[in-house]
Amino acid sequence: MSILESISVAVESLSANKMRIVLTMLGIIIGVGAVITMLALAQGARERMMSQIQQMGTNVLIVMSGQSRHGAVMGGFGSIQSLTLEDSEVIPQKCSSIDKVAPEVSSGAQVKYRNQNTNTAIIGCTPDFLDVRNYQVQDGRFFTQNEVKSANKVAVIGATAAKNLFGEESPIGKRIRVKGMPFDVVGLMAVKGAAGSFGDPDDQIYIPVTTAMHRVFGLQYVRAISAQAKSMSMMDQATAEITSLLRKRHRLHQDADDDFVIRSQAEFMQMANQAAGVFTLLLGGIASVSLLVGGIGIMNIMLVSVTERTREIGIRMAIGARRRDILNQFLIESVVLSLLGGAAGVLMGIGASSLIAKFSGWNVSVSLPSVLLSFGFAAMVGIFFGLYPARKASGLHPIDALRYE
């Protein structure tokens, strides 16, 4: 019997019990759909993170406070405070490879406007923050360097924070209270879009770094310094110059470890990509369990089919069917079940991903490799779980099969 004849016989046999076949395929349908949906969510999150990091520019270095050490125990980044506002002022003067710098401090705070209030992130920075971090002002203006020097109480508000406080009303010229202190809103930031695990850059309020440090939070050190190199080719030189300068300013001994950490955007992208890869494997692995459950359902129904068609198998063998023909017939039935379920699961996964993107606003990306992977895995499930019933059917003795009641 040829492969085409085996497929024809398999489809004819399966069509005799349509409801049972549909119920059997449900496991594969749900499994493939779940795999595609989970991978689409993970891929969407990866692309969103990469986009947000790239928007900050590829020639940006982030200088952060270092890690504390207690014996063999290391603290997290920022566990020691070492970066000062003066450090950020000296870096562009002493480092020839650096174009601009933007010191930052940040903390959450309660912000009020009349009877509206929200808890949002307060970012203390300088005017160069816009160029270094690739941000733009939509309405109004950003605060000036003179306002930073004078520690004025002015604020530029993000789109989400503005909507929470003012609704559709323009925030320009309004007065808000940050931790009870009055601030005049002078600008509205352009929308950046949510950054996944990096938070929402639109749900932030920007104030002069000196105001944030001395008037609002009472800080002596900055959280980070973003430094923009003059070109991508000068990134290594910029890192070396900043390292040498800060070690001298912090009076570190020659054998002492740095009390700061310098990270480039390329390193952030690599770390984010690795984290997204682990997240993708985790979601894909969890969703694949549904495929395995569906495969067990296929094996179960095929064993039932072998039992019900024992006399048919005996008759086929009696009129000349070889064991290989019986094996192929039942194996093809199992694979057809899996492929039909896989095709329906692909449609389900694409549809579910579209609905999630539409109603939740999440970034979802269905890729061709994920579809092919899920479909191929469904076919392998059909072969793996259909092989045992097929071997059992082909191993029957013709006389015993014919006598089966």
Foldseek 3Di string as FASTA:
>chain_A
DDLVVLLVVLVVVCVVCVVLLVVLLPLLLQLLLLLLQLLQQLVQLLVLQLVLLCLLPQQKKKKFFQWDDDPPDIHDTNPDFQAFPVLQVCLVVQQVQFDHKKFKAKDWWWKADDPFIDIFMEIAIAPCCCVNRVWAFDDFDDDHPVCLVVLAQAKEAAPVLCCRHPNPDDQAQGWMATNHHIYHYGTYIDADAARVVVGGPRRYMYGHNNNCCVPNPVHGGTGMMMTGGPDPVCSVVSVVRSQVVSCVVSVPDPPDDDRMDMDGSVRVSVVSNVVSVVSSVVSSVVSNVSLLVSLLSLLVVLLVVLLVCLQVLLVCVVVPDALVSLLSSQLSSLLVSLLVSLVSSLVSNVVVNVVCCVPVVRRTGRDPVSSVVSNVVSNVSSNVSRNVSSNVSSPDDSVVSNPRD
